[in-house]
Structure formats: structure tokens, C-alpha cells
C-alpha atoms as a PDB file:
ATOM      1  CA  MET A   1     120.494 180.981 138.158  1.00  0.00           C
ATOM      2  CA  ALA A   2     122.969 181.063 135.363  1.00  0.00           C
ATOM      3  CA  ALA A   3     125.353 181.027 137.859  1.00  0.00           C
ATOM      4  CA  SER A   4     123.693 178.097 139.636  1.00  0.00           C
ATOM      5  CA  ALA A   5     123.330 176.367 136.988  1.00  0.00           C
ATOM      6  CA  ALA A   6     127.201 176.672 136.249  1.00  0.00           C
ATOM      7  CA  LEU A   7     128.226 174.964 139.217  1.00  0.00           C
ATOM      8  CA  THR A   8     125.877 172.338 138.999  1.00  0.00           C
ATOM      9  CA  LEU A   9     127.021 171.575 135.605  1.00  0.00           C
ATOM     10  CA  GLY A  10     130.906 171.692 136.831  1.00  0.00           C
ATOM     11  CA  GLY A  11     129.874 169.369 139.545  1.00  0.00           C
ATOM     12  CA  CYS A  12     128.581 166.839 137.414  1.00  0.00           C
ATOM     13  CA  MET A  13     131.661 166.679 135.100  1.00  0.00           C
ATOM     14  CA  GLN A  14     134.007 166.267 138.087  1.00  0.00           C
ATOM     15  CA  THR A  15     132.043 163.158 139.637  1.00  0.00           C
ATOM     16  CA  THR A  16     133.574 159.996 138.878  1.00  0.00           C
ATOM     17  CA  GLY A  17     131.153 157.163 138.588  1.00  0.00           C
ATOM     18  CA  PRO A  18     131.569 153.686 137.445  1.00  0.00           C
ATOM     19  CA  VAL A  19     130.632 152.476 133.339  1.00  0.00           C
ATOM     20  CA  ALA A  20     129.559 149.118 133.808  1.00  0.00           C
ATOM     21  CA  TYR A  21     128.078 147.110 130.390  1.00  0.00           C
ATOM     22  CA  VAL A  22     124.486 146.277 129.959  1.00  0.00           C
ATOM     23  CA  GLN A  23     123.716 142.965 130.405  1.00  0.00           C
ATOM     24  CA  PRO A  24     121.499 141.934 127.107  1.00  0.00           C
ATOM     25  CA  ARG A  25     118.483 139.724 128.270  1.00  0.00           C
ATOM     26  CA  PRO A  26     119.429 136.177 129.420  1.00  0.00           C
ATOM     27  CA  ASP A  27     116.345 134.741 127.621  1.00  0.00           C
ATOM     28  CA  LEU A  28     117.546 135.452 124.179  1.00  0.00           C
ATOM     29  CA  ASP A  29     121.275 134.220 124.705  1.00  0.00           C
ATOM     30  CA  THR A  30     119.706 130.976 126.194  1.00  0.00           C
ATOM     31  CA  MET A  31     117.325 130.576 123.340  1.00  0.00           C
ATOM     32  CA  ALA A  32     120.531 131.300 120.839  1.00  0.00           C
ATOM     33  CA  TYR A  33     123.168 129.885 122.517  1.00  0.00           C
ATOM     34  CA  GLY A  34     121.773 127.584 124.913  1.00  0.00           C
ATOM     35  CA  GLN A  35     123.741 129.252 127.816  1.00  0.00           C
ATOM     36  CA  PRO A  36     123.129 132.532 129.751  1.00  0.00           C
ATOM     37  CA  TYR A  37     125.287 135.551 129.061  1.00  0.00           C
ATOM     38  CA  SER A  38     127.855 136.174 130.981  1.00  0.00           C
ATOM     39  CA  ALA A  39     129.122 139.935 131.331  1.00  0.00           C
ATOM     40  CA  PRO A  40     132.460 140.693 131.527  1.00  0.00           C
ATOM     41  CA  PRO A  41     133.312 142.754 134.579  1.00  0.00           C
ATOM     42  CA  PRO A  42     132.388 146.235 135.239  1.00  0.00           C
ATOM     43  CA  VAL A  43     135.721 148.946 133.717  1.00  0.00           C
ATOM     44  CA  VAL A  44     135.990 151.646 136.844  1.00  0.00           C
ATOM     45  CA  VAL A  45     137.012 154.844 135.691  1.00  0.00           C
ATOM     46  CA  ALA A  46     139.454 156.551 137.990  1.00  0.00           C
ATOM     47  CA  ASN A  47     141.889 160.012 137.999  1.00  0.00           C
ATOM     48  CA  GLY A  48     139.007 162.123 137.239  1.00  0.00           C
ATOM     49  CA  GLY A  49     137.822 159.975 133.877  1.00  0.00           C
ATOM     50  CA  GLY A  50     138.785 160.108 130.318  1.00  0.00           C
ATOM     51  CA  ALA A  51     139.536 157.624 127.558  1.00  0.00           C
ATOM     52  CA  ILE A  52     143.400 157.634 128.563  1.00  0.00           C
ATOM     53  CA  ASP A  53     142.256 156.651 132.308  1.00  0.00           C
ATOM     54  CA  ALA A  54     139.724 153.620 131.236  1.00  0.00           C
ATOM     55  CA  LEU A  55     142.179 152.213 128.882  1.00  0.00           C
ATOM     56  CA  THR A  56     144.843 152.034 131.467  1.00  0.00           C
ATOM     57  CA  ASN A  57     142.427 150.282 134.159  1.00  0.00           C
ATOM     58  CA  SER A  58     141.698 148.249 131.680  1.00  0.00           C
ATOM     59  CA  PHE A  59     145.463 146.868 131.343  1.00  0.00           C
ATOM     60  CA  ALA A  60     145.513 146.816 134.686  1.00  0.00           C
ATOM     61  CA  SER A  61     142.826 144.502 135.560  1.00  0.00           C
ATOM     62  CA  GLY A  62     143.588 142.360 132.610  1.00  0.00           C
ATOM     63  CA  PRO A  63     145.466 138.755 133.218  1.00  0.00           C
ATOM     64  CA  ALA A  64     148.779 138.899 133.858  1.00  0.00           C
ATOM     65  CA  PRO A  65     151.632 138.689 130.953  1.00  0.00           C
ATOM     66  CA  VAL A  66     152.853 135.072 130.694  1.00  0.00           C
ATOM     67  CA  PRO A  67     156.686 135.059 130.844  1.00  0.00           C
ATOM     68  CA  VAL A  68     158.720 133.443 127.731  1.00  0.00           C
ATOM     69  CA  ALA A  69     161.417 131.521 128.385  1.00  0.00           C
ATOM     70  CA  TYR A  70     164.255 131.562 126.075  1.00  0.00           C
ATOM     71  CA  ALA A  71     166.317 128.166 125.617  1.00  0.00           C
ATOM     72  CA  ALA A  72     169.897 128.798 126.296  1.00  0.00           C
ATOM     73  CA  PRO A  73     171.688 128.160 122.868  1.00  0.00           C
ATOM     74  CA  MET A  74     173.404 124.767 122.002  1.00  0.00           C
ATOM     75  CA  VAL A  75     177.018 124.546 122.235  1.00  0.00           C
ATOM     76  CA  ALA A  76     178.423 121.498 120.272  1.00  0.00           C
ATOM     77  CA  ALA A  77     180.785 119.563 122.735  1.00  0.00           C
ATOM     78  CA  PRO A  78     184.727 119.110 121.510  1.00  0.00           C
ATOM     79  CA  VAL A  79     185.203 115.929 119.672  1.00  0.00           C
ATOM     80  CA  ARG A  80     187.124 113.617 121.943  1.00  0.00           C
ATOM     81  CA  TYR A  81     189.861 111.584 120.552  1.00  0.00           C
ATOM     82  CA  ASP A  82     190.689 107.984 121.325  1.00  0.00           C
ATOM     83  CA  ALA A  83     193.983 107.626 123.381  1.00  0.00           C
ATOM     84  CA  SER A  84     194.923 104.817 121.803  1.00  0.00           C
ATOM     85  CA  TYR A  85     194.855 106.326 118.217  1.00  0.00           C
ATOM     86  CA  HIS A  86     197.913 105.424 116.523  1.00  0.00           C
ATOM     87  CA  LEU A  87     199.223 107.896 114.343  1.00  0.00           C
ATOM     88  CA  ASP A  88     200.313 107.644 110.346  1.00  0.00           C
ATOM     89  CA  ALA A  89     200.910 108.960 107.285  1.00  0.00           C
ATOM     90  CA  GLY A  90     198.180 111.449 106.095  1.00  0.00           C
ATOM     91  CA  ASP A  91     197.025 112.432 109.275  1.00  0.00           C
ATOM     92  CA  LYS A  92     197.262 116.522 110.511  1.00  0.00           C
ATOM     93  CA  LEU A  93     198.050 117.643 113.716  1.00  0.00           C
ATOM     94  CA  ARG A  94     197.714 120.427 115.917  1.00  0.00           C
ATOM     95  CA  VAL A  95     200.822 120.835 118.303  1.00  0.00           C
ATOM     96  CA  VAL A  96     201.070 122.992 121.024  1.00  0.00           C
ATOM     97  CA  VAL A  97     204.447 123.949 123.119  1.00  0.00           C
ATOM     98  CA  TYR A  98     203.031 126.362 125.820  1.00  0.00           C
ATOM     99  CA  GLY A  99     204.940 129.137 126.081  1.00  0.00           C
ATOM    100  CA  GLN A 100     206.777 129.050 122.687  1.00  0.00           C
ATOM    101  CA  GLU A 101     204.562 130.618 119.857  1.00  0.00           C
ATOM    102  CA  GLY A 102     207.189 130.026 117.423  1.00  0.00           C
ATOM    103  CA  LEU A 103     206.747 125.855 117.423  1.00  0.00           C
ATOM    104  CA  THR A 104     203.698 125.966 118.343  1.00  0.00           C
ATOM    105  CA  ASN A 105     201.558 125.163 114.723  1.00  0.00           C
ATOM    106  CA  SER A 106     199.885 122.303 112.272  1.00  0.00           C
ATOM    107  CA  TYR A 107     202.153 119.900 111.325  1.00  0.00           C
ATOM    108  CA  ALA A 108     201.039 117.240 108.702  1.00  0.00           C
ATOM    109  CA  ILE A 109     202.408 113.758 109.487  1.00  0.00           C
ATOM    110  CA  ASP A 110     204.183 112.739 105.545  1.00  0.00           C
ATOM    111  CA  ALA A 111     204.679 109.764 103.678  1.00  0.00           C
ATOM    112  CA  GLY A 112     207.698 108.946 105.925  1.00  0.00           C
ATOM    113  CA  GLY A 113     205.650 108.978 108.755  1.00  0.00           C
ATOM    114  CA  SER A 114     207.549 112.127 110.328  1.00  0.00           C
ATOM    115  CA  ILE A 115     206.685 115.642 111.237  1.00  0.00           C
ATOM    116  CA  THR A 116     209.345 118.605 110.827  1.00  0.00           C
ATOM    117  CA  MET A 117     209.322 121.235 113.464  1.00  0.00           C
ATOM    118  CA  PRO A 118     211.823 124.014 114.020  1.00  0.00           C
ATOM    119  CA  LEU A 119     215.143 123.132 115.927  1.00  0.00           C
ATOM    120  CA  ILE A 120     214.512 119.744 116.512  1.00  0.00           C
ATOM    121  CA  GLY A 121     213.614 118.404 113.194  1.00  0.00           C
ATOM    122  CA  SER A 122     212.349 115.319 111.987  1.00  0.00           C
ATOM    123  CA  VAL A 123     210.479 113.239 114.338  1.00  0.00           C
ATOM    124  CA  PRO A 124     208.764 109.968 114.193  1.00  0.00           C
ATOM    125  CA  ALA A 125     204.969 109.900 114.039  1.00  0.00           C
ATOM    126  CA  ARG A 126     204.019 106.767 112.613  1.00  0.00           C
ATOM    127  CA  GLY A 127     202.485 104.329 115.006  1.00  0.00           C
ATOM    128  CA  ARG A 128     202.822 106.311 118.201  1.00  0.00           C
ATOM    129  CA  THR A 129     199.827 107.930 119.903  1.00  0.00           C
ATOM    130  CA  PRO A 130     199.387 111.549 120.245  1.00  0.00           C
ATOM    131  CA  ALA A 131     200.782 111.225 123.776  1.00  0.00           C
ATOM    132  CA  GLY A 132     203.393 108.938 122.843  1.00  0.00           C
ATOM    133  CA  LEU A 133     204.655 112.000 120.000  1.00  0.00           C
ATOM    134  CA  ALA A 134     203.910 114.777 122.963  1.00  0.00           C
ATOM    135  CA  GLY A 135     206.622 113.230 125.069  1.00  0.00           C
ATOM    136  CA  GLU A 136     209.398 112.456 122.255  1.00  0.00           C
ATOM    137  CA  ILE A 137     208.743 115.944 121.046  1.00  0.00           C
ATOM    138  CA  ALA A 138     209.071 117.181 125.047  1.00  0.00           C
ATOM    139  CA  ALA A 139     212.251 115.139 125.212  1.00  0.00           C
ATOM    140  CA  ARG A 140     213.789 116.367 122.071  1.00  0.00           C
ATOM    141  CA  LEU A 141     213.672 120.145 122.924  1.00  0.00           C
ATOM    142  CA  ARG A 142     214.757 119.378 126.380  1.00  0.00           C
ATOM    143  CA  ASN A 143     217.791 118.262 125.110  1.00  0.00           C
ATOM    144  CA  GLY A 144     219.726 121.741 124.556  1.00  0.00           C
ATOM    145  CA  PHE A 145     216.852 123.989 123.770  1.00  0.00           C
ATOM    146  CA  ILE A 146     214.093 124.410 126.532  1.00  0.00           C
ATOM    147  CA  ARG A 147     214.691 123.455 130.233  1.00  0.00           C
ATOM    148  CA  GLU A 148     211.235 122.008 130.813  1.00  0.00           C
ATOM    149  CA  PRO A 149     209.102 121.968 128.091  1.00  0.00           C
ATOM    150  CA  SER A 150     205.288 121.470 128.288  1.00  0.00           C
ATOM    151  CA  VAL A 151     203.870 119.720 125.316  1.00  0.00           C
ATOM    152  CA  ALA A 152     200.435 118.806 123.580  1.00  0.00           C
ATOM    153  CA  VAL A 153     199.446 116.736 120.476  1.00  0.00           C
ATOM    154  CA  GLU A 154     195.893 116.741 119.181  1.00  0.00           C
ATOM    155  CA  ILE A 155     194.349 115.438 115.991  1.00  0.00           C
ATOM    156  CA  GLU A 156     193.272 118.234 113.960  1.00  0.00           C
ATOM    157  CA  SER A 157     192.249 115.921 111.144  1.00  0.00           C
ATOM    158  CA  TYR A 158     192.380 112.268 110.254  1.00  0.00           C
ATOM    159  CA  ARG A 159     193.995 110.384 107.392  1.00  0.00           C
ATOM    160  CA  PRO A 160     191.195 109.199 104.854  1.00  0.00           C
ATOM    161  CA  PHE A 161     189.798 106.376 103.923  1.00  0.00           C
ATOM    162  CA  PHE A 162     189.273 104.577 100.617  1.00  0.00           C
ATOM    163  CA  ILE A 163     186.404 102.525  99.234  1.00  0.00           C
ATOM    164  CA  LEU A 164     186.488 100.585  96.108  1.00  0.00           C
ATOM    165  CA  GLY A 165     184.368  98.455  94.197  1.00  0.00           C
ATOM    166  CA  GLU A 166     180.346  98.215  93.394  1.00  0.00           C
ATOM    167  CA  VAL A 167     179.512 101.494  94.979  1.00  0.00           C
ATOM    168  CA  ALA A 168     178.382 104.576  93.104  1.00  0.00           C
ATOM    169  CA  ALA A 169     181.676 106.704  93.508  1.00  0.00           C
ATOM    170  CA  PRO A 170     184.496 104.773  94.612  1.00  0.00           C
ATOM    171  CA  GLY A 171     187.489 107.077  95.875  1.00  0.00           C
ATOM    172  CA  GLN A 172     189.532 108.452  98.334  1.00  0.00           C
ATOM    173  CA  TYR A 173     187.023 110.257 101.519  1.00  0.00           C
ATOM    174  CA  PRO A 174     188.196 112.030 104.503  1.00  0.00           C
ATOM    175  CA  TYR A 175     187.445 110.105 107.719  1.00  0.00           C
ATOM    176  CA  VAL A 176     184.701 110.914 109.932  1.00  0.00           C
ATOM    177  CA  PRO A 177     184.403 109.403 113.382  1.00  0.00           C
ATOM    178  CA  ASN A 178     182.276 106.890 114.401  1.00  0.00           C
ATOM    179  CA  MET A 179     182.383 105.557 110.956  1.00  0.00           C
ATOM    180  CA  THR A 180     180.988 102.107 110.160  1.00  0.00           C
ATOM    181  CA  VAL A 181     180.878 100.259 106.788  1.00  0.00           C
ATOM    182  CA  GLU A 182     177.543 101.689 105.963  1.00  0.00           C
ATOM    183  CA  SER A 183     178.030 104.856 106.436  1.00  0.00           C
ATOM    184  CA  ALA A 184     181.094 104.227 104.260  1.00  0.00           C
ATOM    185  CA  VAL A 185     179.010 103.553 101.555  1.00  0.00           C
ATOM    186  CA  ALA A 186     176.609 105.946 101.716  1.00  0.00           C
ATOM    187  CA  ILE A 187     179.468 108.686 101.562  1.00  0.00           C
ATOM    188  CA  ALA A 188     180.415 106.850  98.409  1.00  0.00           C
ATOM    189  CA  GLY A 189     176.789 107.172  97.146  1.00  0.00           C
ATOM    190  CA  GLY A 190     175.667 104.178  98.410  1.00  0.00           C
ATOM    191  CA  PHE A 191     175.662 100.690  96.306  1.00  0.00           C
ATOM    192  CA  SER A 192     175.628 100.132  92.378  1.00  0.00           C
ATOM    193  CA  PRO A 193     172.903  97.798  91.194  1.00  0.00           C
ATOM    194  CA  ARG A 194     175.545  95.090  91.040  1.00  0.00           C
ATOM    195  CA  ALA A 195     176.485  95.169  94.574  1.00  0.00           C
ATOM    196  CA  LYS A 196     176.792  92.141  96.890  1.00  0.00           C
ATOM    197  CA  ARG A 197     175.799  93.852  99.693  1.00  0.00           C
ATOM    198  CA  ASP A 198     176.707  90.693 101.844  1.00  0.00           C
ATOM    199  CA  MET A 199     180.257  90.809 100.644  1.00  0.00           C
ATOM    200  CA  VAL A 200     181.921  93.540 102.308  1.00  0.00           C
ATOM    201  CA  THR A 201     185.765  93.639 102.811  1.00  0.00           C
ATOM    202  CA  VAL A 202     187.398  95.904 104.771  1.00  0.00           C
ATOM    203  CA  THR A 203     191.351  95.677 104.963  1.00  0.00           C
ATOM    204  CA  HIS A 204     192.674  97.468 107.880  1.00  0.00           C
ATOM    205  CA  THR A 205     196.814  98.379 107.848  1.00  0.00           C
ATOM    206  CA  GLU A 206     198.985  98.783 111.160  1.00  0.00           C
ATOM    207  CA  ALA A 207     202.709  98.653 111.775  1.00  0.00           C
ATOM    208  CA  GLY A 208     202.592  94.872 112.126  1.00  0.00           C
ATOM    209  CA  GLY A 209     200.875  94.356 108.714  1.00  0.00           C
ATOM    210  CA  ALA A 210     197.708  94.246 107.101  1.00  0.00           C
ATOM    211  CA  MET A 211     194.432  92.474 108.242  1.00  0.00           C
ATOM    212  CA  ARG A 212     191.304  91.626 105.856  1.00  0.00           C
ATOM    213  CA  ALA A 213     188.025  90.100 106.308  1.00  0.00           C
ATOM    214  CA  VAL A 214     185.294  90.140 105.364  1.00  0.00           C
ATOM    215  CA  VAL A 215     182.437  92.323 107.675  1.00  0.00           C
ATOM    216  CA  PRO A 216     178.749  92.998 108.286  1.00  0.00           C
ATOM    217  CA  LEU A 217     177.521  96.510 107.520  1.00  0.00           C
ATOM    218  CA  GLY A 218     177.667  97.697 111.127  1.00  0.00           C
ATOM    219  CA  THR A 219     181.442  97.597 111.774  1.00  0.00           C
ATOM    220  CA  PRO A 220     183.434 100.471 112.335  1.00  0.00           C
ATOM    221  CA  VAL A 221     186.078 101.916 109.913  1.00  0.00           C
ATOM    222  CA  SER A 222     189.251 103.163 110.591  1.00  0.00           C
ATOM    223  CA  PRO A 223     191.021 105.980 109.435  1.00  0.00           C
ATOM    224  CA  GLY A 224     193.435 104.680 106.253  1.00  0.00           C
ATOM    225  CA  ASP A 225     191.229 101.666 105.876  1.00  0.00           C
ATOM    226  CA  THR A 226     189.948 100.327 102.454  1.00  0.00           C
ATOM    227  CA  VAL A 227     186.450  99.410 101.824  1.00  0.00           C
ATOM    228  CA  PHE A 228     185.766  97.149  99.120  1.00  0.00           C
ATOM    229  CA  VAL A 229     181.974  96.028  97.824  1.00  0.00           C
ATOM    230  CA  GLY A 230     181.932  92.728  95.899  1.00  0.00           C
ATOM    231  CA  GLU A 231     180.229  91.865  92.873  1.00  0.00           C
ATOM    232  CA  ARG A 232     177.021  89.867  92.467  1.00  0.00           C
ATOM    233  CA  TRP A 233     176.856  87.514  89.772  1.00  0.00           C
ATOM    234  CA  PHE A 234     173.068  87.134  89.132  1.00  0.00           C
END
């Protein structure tokens, strides 16, 4: 009898059967929540039973994980400089002579409007476009130094602009591409209490001379320009 009982008990332990939740009485749920109770689906324990198998089956029967999308990092686009821009003193250039590391370097245009490079010395830059200056450098290098030079000129930084008159901090500031009179005033700390906001004068200087005009706040400002904010009398 003892052996028979042991065999019977062992068979019961090895038997795999479903494990289900007990559903509460629907009438109580209707009274408490206003709707019948809906029991979750039963979890079937496989692979011989046990807590680990129960957890495995529970995760397997759950909803599929939601994929997470990661945004690609944003890369700032390089600044495109105007090919028609005319160089002048204060502009800083990057001159690249392909295959010639000794000539490739950064050069600032001096007060005389020129840059000074090895081999060819002083090269006039004032009034030229970047492409025009590259052509002049290549022509000078071709004259007894390099057989077929390939030259590129880029602007590293523009010459500053000036703002005077009724602003919080008048003075000289680095030029920012796509500036307007309004943004120039903002860089200088904004209008002073006595500023005449509809009386802003911009002076623009080129090789042909200087031009001066009273302009609205949305007028573009160029490198080297002088912005003057007038004073009101009342």
C-alpha cells in the first residue's frame, strides 16, 4: 500500500495542468463598477511546471515590445558664402593650395588690403571676390613656382561692423551672416531710452566710395558697415 501511494503521489506531481484565475461573481462587479468583470486569459504552465516556467509563459503571451525609434543626430550645414562678396581689410581667409601644405594656411587681410604668402609675398585682396583672389594666387604661383597650381579661397570670418549712437553698448562687433539693422541693434544691447527708432542710418563703404542712407530696421547689414541710431528730442 505504501508503494502504491508513493506511485500515485509521484504521478500527481508530474501531471501538467492549466492554472487559471478565479473569476469573481459578475453581479458584485456590476454593482461596484457598473460593468461585468472580465478575467484575464489563463496562463498555462508547461515544461513540467514551476514558478520559472509560469513566468516564461506569462512573458511569452504578453504584447510584443514596442520598437523604439532613435532620431539621427542633426548635422549643421556648412555656411555658404556669397560668391560675389568683395573682400576688404579685416576679413580672415583660408587659402588652400592643393598638394602644398606649406602654402595652405589662414591669412588675414591687413590694413593695406593685402595678404602675405610664402614664395609670392604680398597679394592684393581688397575689392576682389574669393574666386578672383584664388585666380590671382594661382597665376603668381604658376609664374616660376608650381606648374599647375590648384587654389581655393574661403572666408573664415568676416570683418566687423560698427554701431554708434543711441544703443546700450555702441562699438565694434563681429559680423554675423544675414544680419539686419534690427539684429545689429540687438547685439549692441538694444535701443537706449532716447533712441529715435525710425531714424537709423547705415553707411556702406566699397571700393567706389561710401553710401549713406536712412533705412528701416529690416535692412540687411554688410561686413564693415556703420550703423548709427539717432536721438529723439522729446
